[in-house]
Amino acid sequence: QVQLVESGGGLVQAGGSLRLSCVASGDFFKINRMGWYRESPGKQREMVATITSGGSENLGDSVKGRFTVSRDSAKNTVYLQMDKLKPEDTAVYYCKAEVVRSGSFTFQYWGQGTQVTVSS
């Protein structure tokens, strides 16, 4: 089995910063893409940022210029640095990982989510 554990969420004022972390553990050979998604009431889950094992990044249009995604492959960890936060960034943030397990099969796993609340 594979587990993803997020941390770093919380309450922050508009204009502030937070850093999310997500650590993957369990039985796998490697992790391909890791990333962050968010979901707020009444809205569909949306991609925030992803990063491949080679370091290629993809950021959602609403967070470009404010958020940065990075990873430490040796620690199976992905980070999301969130700067210049806005109230509309309020959401539950989920970590996702594409994991290669035995037999070279790729599986997708999600973390349990961490709440980010930005006050105006």
N, C-alpha and C. Protein backbone atom coordinates (compact mmCIF):
# COMPACT_ATOMS: atom_id res chain seq x y z
N GLN A 1 0.85 -1.20 0.00
CA GLN A 1 0.00 0.00 0.00
C GLN A 1 0.88 1.25 0.00
N VAL A 2 0.27 2.36 -0.40
CA VAL A 2 0.98 3.64 -0.45
C VAL A 2 0.20 4.67 0.33
N GLN A 3 0.90 5.47 1.11
CA GLN A 3 0.25 6.52 1.88
C GLN A 3 0.86 7.88 1.53
N LEU A 4 0.00 8.87 1.45
CA LEU A 4 0.41 10.26 1.26
C LEU A 4 -0.07 11.06 2.46
N VAL A 5 0.85 11.76 3.09
CA VAL A 5 0.49 12.54 4.27
C VAL A 5 0.87 14.00 4.03
N GLU A 6 -0.17 14.86 4.06
CA GLU A 6 0.05 16.29 3.86
C GLU A 6 0.18 17.00 5.20
N SER A 7 0.86 18.13 5.16
CA SER A 7 0.97 18.98 6.34
C SER A 7 1.21 20.41 5.88
N GLY A 8 0.99 21.35 6.81
CA GLY A 8 1.31 22.74 6.53
C GLY A 8 0.12 23.65 6.30
N GLY A 9 -1.09 23.10 6.27
CA GLY A 9 -2.25 23.95 6.09
C GLY A 9 -2.52 24.79 7.33
N GLY A 10 -3.47 25.71 7.20
CA GLY A 10 -3.82 26.54 8.34
C GLY A 10 -4.55 27.79 7.91
N LEU A 11 -4.61 28.73 8.84
CA LEU A 11 -5.29 30.01 8.64
C LEU A 11 -4.25 31.11 8.46
N VAL A 12 -4.44 31.92 7.43
CA VAL A 12 -3.50 32.99 7.15
C VAL A 12 -4.26 34.18 6.60
N GLN A 13 -3.74 35.36 6.81
CA GLN A 13 -4.36 36.56 6.27
C GLN A 13 -4.01 36.72 4.79
N ALA A 14 -4.87 37.41 4.08
CA ALA A 14 -4.61 37.69 2.66
C ALA A 14 -3.26 38.39 2.53
N GLY A 15 -2.51 37.96 1.52
CA GLY A 15 -1.17 38.48 1.30
C GLY A 15 -0.09 37.69 1.97
N GLY A 16 -0.49 36.77 2.83
CA GLY A 16 0.48 35.96 3.57
C GLY A 16 0.94 34.75 2.78
N SER A 17 1.70 33.90 3.47
CA SER A 17 2.29 32.72 2.83
C SER A 17 2.08 31.48 3.68
N LEU A 18 2.03 30.35 3.00
CA LEU A 18 2.03 29.03 3.63
C LEU A 18 2.85 28.08 2.77
N ARG A 19 3.37 27.04 3.42
CA ARG A 19 4.09 26.01 2.69
C ARG A 19 3.51 24.66 3.03
N LEU A 20 3.02 23.97 2.02
CA LEU A 20 2.48 22.63 2.20
C LEU A 20 3.54 21.59 1.86
N SER A 21 3.48 20.49 2.58
CA SER A 21 4.37 19.36 2.32
C SER A 21 3.54 18.09 2.18
N CYS A 22 4.03 17.16 1.38
CA CYS A 22 3.36 15.88 1.22
C CYS A 22 4.43 14.80 1.09
N VAL A 23 4.37 13.84 2.01
CA VAL A 23 5.35 12.75 2.01
C VAL A 23 4.67 11.46 1.60
N ALA A 24 5.29 10.75 0.66
CA ALA A 24 4.78 9.45 0.23
C ALA A 24 5.58 8.34 0.87
N SER A 25 4.88 7.30 1.30
CA SER A 25 5.55 6.14 1.90
C SER A 25 4.81 4.88 1.50
N GLY A 26 5.51 3.75 1.62
CA GLY A 26 4.87 2.49 1.31
C GLY A 26 5.66 1.67 0.32
N ASP A 27 4.95 0.80 -0.38
CA ASP A 27 5.56 -0.17 -1.27
C ASP A 27 5.47 0.31 -2.71
N PHE A 28 6.54 0.88 -3.23
CA PHE A 28 6.58 1.30 -4.63
C PHE A 28 8.02 1.39 -5.10
N PHE A 29 8.19 1.41 -6.44
CA PHE A 29 9.53 1.53 -7.02
C PHE A 29 9.93 2.98 -7.19
N LYS A 30 9.02 3.77 -7.70
CA LYS A 30 9.33 5.17 -7.92
C LYS A 30 8.03 5.95 -8.05
N ILE A 31 8.18 7.27 -7.99
CA ILE A 31 7.05 8.16 -8.16
C ILE A 31 7.26 8.99 -9.42
N ASN A 32 6.32 8.97 -10.30
CA ASN A 32 6.42 9.80 -11.49
C ASN A 32 5.97 11.22 -11.15
N ARG A 33 4.79 11.58 -11.53
CA ARG A 33 4.30 12.94 -11.26
C ARG A 33 3.73 13.03 -9.86
N MET A 34 4.03 14.15 -9.18
CA MET A 34 3.41 14.49 -7.90
C MET A 34 2.78 15.87 -8.05
N GLY A 35 1.77 16.12 -7.26
CA GLY A 35 1.18 17.43 -7.41
C GLY A 35 0.13 17.75 -6.37
N TRP A 36 -0.45 18.91 -6.54
CA TRP A 36 -1.44 19.44 -5.61
C TRP A 36 -2.71 19.82 -6.35
N TYR A 37 -3.81 19.49 -5.75
CA TYR A 37 -5.13 19.86 -6.24
C TYR A 37 -5.89 20.49 -5.09
N ARG A 38 -6.93 21.24 -5.40
CA ARG A 38 -7.72 21.84 -4.33
C ARG A 38 -9.19 21.77 -4.66
N GLU A 39 -9.96 21.79 -3.59
CA GLU A 39 -11.42 21.69 -3.73
C GLU A 39 -12.06 22.60 -2.70
N SER A 40 -12.97 23.43 -3.14
CA SER A 40 -13.72 24.31 -2.24
C SER A 40 -15.21 24.05 -2.45
N PRO A 41 -16.03 24.41 -1.47
CA PRO A 41 -17.47 24.13 -1.55
C PRO A 41 -18.09 24.67 -2.83
N GLY A 42 -18.83 23.84 -3.52
CA GLY A 42 -19.52 24.25 -4.72
C GLY A 42 -18.68 24.27 -5.97
N LYS A 43 -17.41 23.89 -5.84
CA LYS A 43 -16.53 23.90 -7.00
C LYS A 43 -15.92 22.52 -7.21
N GLN A 44 -15.58 22.23 -8.44
CA GLN A 44 -14.90 20.98 -8.75
C GLN A 44 -13.45 21.04 -8.31
N ARG A 45 -12.90 19.86 -8.04
CA ARG A 45 -11.50 19.80 -7.70
C ARG A 45 -10.68 20.27 -8.90
N GLU A 46 -9.72 21.15 -8.63
CA GLU A 46 -8.91 21.71 -9.72
C GLU A 46 -7.43 21.48 -9.46
N MET A 47 -6.69 21.39 -10.55
CA MET A 47 -5.24 21.23 -10.46
C MET A 47 -4.63 22.56 -10.05
N VAL A 48 -3.75 22.49 -9.07
CA VAL A 48 -3.02 23.68 -8.63
C VAL A 48 -1.61 23.68 -9.22
N ALA A 49 -0.90 22.57 -9.01
CA ALA A 49 0.48 22.48 -9.51
C ALA A 49 0.91 21.02 -9.52
N THR A 50 1.67 20.67 -10.54
CA THR A 50 2.24 19.32 -10.62
C THR A 50 3.70 19.43 -11.02
N ILE A 51 4.44 18.37 -10.70
CA ILE A 51 5.86 18.33 -11.06
C ILE A 51 6.24 16.89 -11.35
N THR A 52 6.97 16.69 -12.45
CA THR A 52 7.37 15.35 -12.83
C THR A 52 8.66 14.94 -12.10
N SER A 53 9.03 13.68 -12.27
CA SER A 53 10.27 13.21 -11.66
C SER A 53 11.47 13.92 -12.25
N GLY A 54 11.33 14.45 -13.46
CA GLY A 54 12.42 15.19 -14.10
C GLY A 54 12.43 16.66 -13.76
N GLY A 55 11.44 17.10 -13.01
CA GLY A 55 11.39 18.49 -12.56
C GLY A 55 10.55 19.42 -13.42
N SER A 56 9.84 18.89 -14.40
CA SER A 56 8.96 19.74 -15.21
C SER A 56 7.72 20.12 -14.41
N GLU A 57 7.44 21.42 -14.38
CA GLU A 57 6.35 21.94 -13.57
C GLU A 57 5.17 22.38 -14.42
N ASN A 58 4.01 22.28 -13.83
CA ASN A 58 2.79 22.77 -14.46
C ASN A 58 1.97 23.47 -13.39
N LEU A 59 1.64 24.72 -13.60
CA LEU A 59 0.89 25.49 -12.61
C LEU A 59 -0.44 25.92 -13.19
N GLY A 60 -1.45 25.91 -12.36
CA GLY A 60 -2.75 26.41 -12.78
C GLY A 60 -2.69 27.91 -13.02
N ASP A 61 -3.52 28.39 -13.93
CA ASP A 61 -3.47 29.80 -14.31
C ASP A 61 -3.73 30.71 -13.11
N SER A 62 -4.58 30.31 -12.20
CA SER A 62 -4.95 31.18 -11.08
C SER A 62 -3.85 31.33 -10.04
N VAL A 63 -2.82 30.50 -10.11
CA VAL A 63 -1.77 30.56 -9.09
C VAL A 63 -0.40 30.92 -9.68
N LYS A 64 -0.32 31.05 -10.98
CA LYS A 64 0.96 31.40 -11.61
C LYS A 64 1.46 32.74 -11.08
N GLY A 65 2.75 32.77 -10.75
CA GLY A 65 3.34 33.98 -10.21
C GLY A 65 3.21 34.11 -8.71
N ARG A 66 2.42 33.21 -8.09
CA ARG A 66 2.23 33.27 -6.64
C ARG A 66 2.65 31.98 -5.95
N PHE A 67 2.42 30.86 -6.59
CA PHE A 67 2.73 29.55 -6.00
C PHE A 67 3.93 28.93 -6.70
N THR A 68 4.67 28.13 -5.96
CA THR A 68 5.81 27.40 -6.50
C THR A 68 5.73 25.95 -6.04
N VAL A 69 5.93 25.03 -6.97
CA VAL A 69 5.95 23.61 -6.62
C VAL A 69 7.38 23.08 -6.75
N SER A 70 7.77 22.22 -5.82
CA SER A 70 9.09 21.61 -5.85
C SER A 70 8.99 20.22 -5.23
N ARG A 71 10.04 19.42 -5.42
CA ARG A 71 10.03 18.09 -4.82
C ARG A 71 11.45 17.69 -4.45
N ASP A 72 11.50 16.82 -3.46
CA ASP A 72 12.74 16.19 -3.05
C ASP A 72 12.54 14.70 -3.28
N SER A 73 13.03 14.21 -4.41
CA SER A 73 12.78 12.82 -4.78
C SER A 73 13.41 11.84 -3.79
N ALA A 74 14.52 12.22 -3.20
CA ALA A 74 15.18 11.34 -2.24
C ALA A 74 14.30 11.13 -1.01
N LYS A 75 13.46 12.12 -0.71
CA LYS A 75 12.58 12.04 0.46
C LYS A 75 11.13 11.73 0.06
N ASN A 76 10.90 11.50 -1.24
CA ASN A 76 9.53 11.22 -1.71
C ASN A 76 8.56 12.30 -1.25
N THR A 77 9.00 13.53 -1.36
CA THR A 77 8.24 14.65 -0.82
C THR A 77 8.02 15.71 -1.90
N VAL A 78 6.82 16.27 -1.92
CA VAL A 78 6.51 17.39 -2.79
C VAL A 78 6.06 18.55 -1.92
N TYR A 79 6.44 19.75 -2.34
CA TYR A 79 6.13 20.97 -1.58
C TYR A 79 5.30 21.92 -2.45
N LEU A 80 4.53 22.75 -1.78
CA LEU A 80 3.82 23.82 -2.44
C LEU A 80 4.03 25.09 -1.63
N GLN A 81 4.81 25.99 -2.16
CA GLN A 81 5.02 27.29 -1.53
C GLN A 81 3.97 28.24 -2.06
N MET A 82 3.14 28.75 -1.16
CA MET A 82 2.05 29.63 -1.55
C MET A 82 2.29 31.02 -0.99
N ASP A 83 2.50 31.96 -1.88
CA ASP A 83 2.73 33.36 -1.51
C ASP A 83 1.59 34.23 -2.03
N LYS A 84 1.50 35.42 -1.47
CA LYS A 84 0.47 36.37 -1.91
C LYS A 84 -0.91 35.71 -1.92
N LEU A 85 -1.22 35.02 -0.86
CA LEU A 85 -2.47 34.29 -0.80
C LEU A 85 -3.68 35.22 -0.84
N LYS A 86 -4.73 34.72 -1.47
CA LYS A 86 -5.98 35.46 -1.62
C LYS A 86 -7.11 34.67 -0.97
N PRO A 87 -8.18 35.32 -0.57
CA PRO A 87 -9.32 34.58 0.01
C PRO A 87 -9.84 33.49 -0.92
N GLU A 88 -9.76 33.68 -2.20
CA GLU A 88 -10.24 32.68 -3.14
C GLU A 88 -9.34 31.44 -3.22
N ASP A 89 -8.20 31.49 -2.55
CA ASP A 89 -7.34 30.30 -2.44
C ASP A 89 -7.83 29.36 -1.33
N THR A 90 -8.80 29.81 -0.56
CA THR A 90 -9.34 28.97 0.51
C THR A 90 -9.92 27.69 -0.06
N ALA A 91 -9.45 26.56 0.45
CA ALA A 91 -9.88 25.26 -0.07
C ALA A 91 -9.21 24.16 0.74
N VAL A 92 -9.65 22.93 0.50
CA VAL A 92 -8.91 21.77 0.98
C VAL A 92 -7.92 21.40 -0.12
N TYR A 93 -6.67 21.30 0.25
CA TYR A 93 -5.62 20.99 -0.70
C TYR A 93 -5.23 19.51 -0.58
N TYR A 94 -5.24 18.83 -1.71
CA TYR A 94 -4.94 17.41 -1.75
C TYR A 94 -3.66 17.15 -2.52
N CYS A 95 -2.86 16.25 -1.99
CA CYS A 95 -1.66 15.79 -2.67
C CYS A 95 -2.02 14.56 -3.51
N LYS A 96 -1.40 14.47 -4.66
CA LYS A 96 -1.61 13.32 -5.54
C LYS A 96 -0.27 12.83 -6.05
N ALA A 97 -0.13 11.52 -6.15
CA ALA A 97 1.11 10.94 -6.66
C ALA A 97 0.81 9.81 -7.63
N GLU A 98 1.56 9.77 -8.72
CA GLU A 98 1.49 8.66 -9.68
C GLU A 98 2.66 7.74 -9.37
N VAL A 99 2.34 6.56 -8.87
CA VAL A 99 3.34 5.68 -8.30
C VAL A 99 3.49 4.42 -9.14
N VAL A 100 4.73 4.03 -9.36
CA VAL A 100 5.02 2.78 -10.06
C VAL A 100 5.28 1.69 -9.02
N ARG A 101 4.46 0.64 -9.10
CA ARG A 101 4.60 -0.46 -8.14
C ARG A 101 5.06 -1.72 -8.89
N SER A 102 4.97 -2.84 -8.29
CA SER A 102 5.46 -4.09 -8.87
C SER A 102 4.78 -4.37 -10.20
N GLY A 103 5.57 -4.94 -11.14
CA GLY A 103 5.03 -5.21 -12.46
C GLY A 103 4.96 -3.99 -13.34
N SER A 104 5.58 -2.88 -12.89
CA SER A 104 5.61 -1.62 -13.65
C SER A 104 4.24 -1.01 -13.85
N PHE A 105 3.30 -1.38 -13.02
CA PHE A 105 1.98 -0.77 -13.10
C PHE A 105 2.00 0.57 -12.36
N THR A 106 1.31 1.53 -12.94
CA THR A 106 1.23 2.86 -12.36
C THR A 106 -0.12 3.05 -11.70
N PHE A 107 -0.11 3.55 -10.47
CA PHE A 107 -1.33 3.81 -9.71
C PHE A 107 -1.34 5.26 -9.24
N GLN A 108 -2.52 5.78 -9.06
CA GLN A 108 -2.68 7.14 -8.54
C GLN A 108 -3.18 7.07 -7.10
N TYR A 109 -2.55 7.85 -6.26
CA TYR A 109 -2.94 7.90 -4.85
C TYR A 109 -3.17 9.35 -4.45
N TRP A 110 -4.09 9.50 -3.49
CA TRP A 110 -4.42 10.82 -2.96
C TRP A 110 -4.15 10.86 -1.46
N GLY A 111 -3.78 12.05 -0.99
CA GLY A 111 -3.68 12.27 0.44
C GLY A 111 -5.05 12.57 1.03
N GLN A 112 -5.08 12.78 2.33
CA GLN A 112 -6.35 13.00 3.02
C GLN A 112 -6.81 14.44 2.94
N GLY A 113 -5.93 15.32 2.52
CA GLY A 113 -6.28 16.73 2.38
C GLY A 113 -5.89 17.56 3.59
N THR A 114 -5.56 18.81 3.33
CA THR A 114 -5.25 19.76 4.40
C THR A 114 -5.95 21.08 4.09
N GLN A 115 -6.57 21.65 5.12
CA GLN A 115 -7.37 22.86 4.93
C GLN A 115 -6.48 24.10 4.90
N VAL A 116 -6.71 24.93 3.92
CA VAL A 116 -6.08 26.25 3.83
C VAL A 116 -7.18 27.29 3.83
N THR A 117 -7.12 28.20 4.78
CA THR A 117 -8.12 29.26 4.88
C THR A 117 -7.42 30.61 4.86
N VAL A 118 -7.84 31.46 3.92
CA VAL A 118 -7.25 32.79 3.79
C VAL A 118 -8.30 33.82 4.14
N SER A 119 -8.04 34.59 5.16
CA SER A 119 -9.00 35.61 5.62
C SER A 119 -8.70 36.94 4.93
N SER A 120 -9.77 37.69 4.71
CA SER A 120 -9.61 38.99 4.02
C SER A 120 -9.35 40.10 5.01
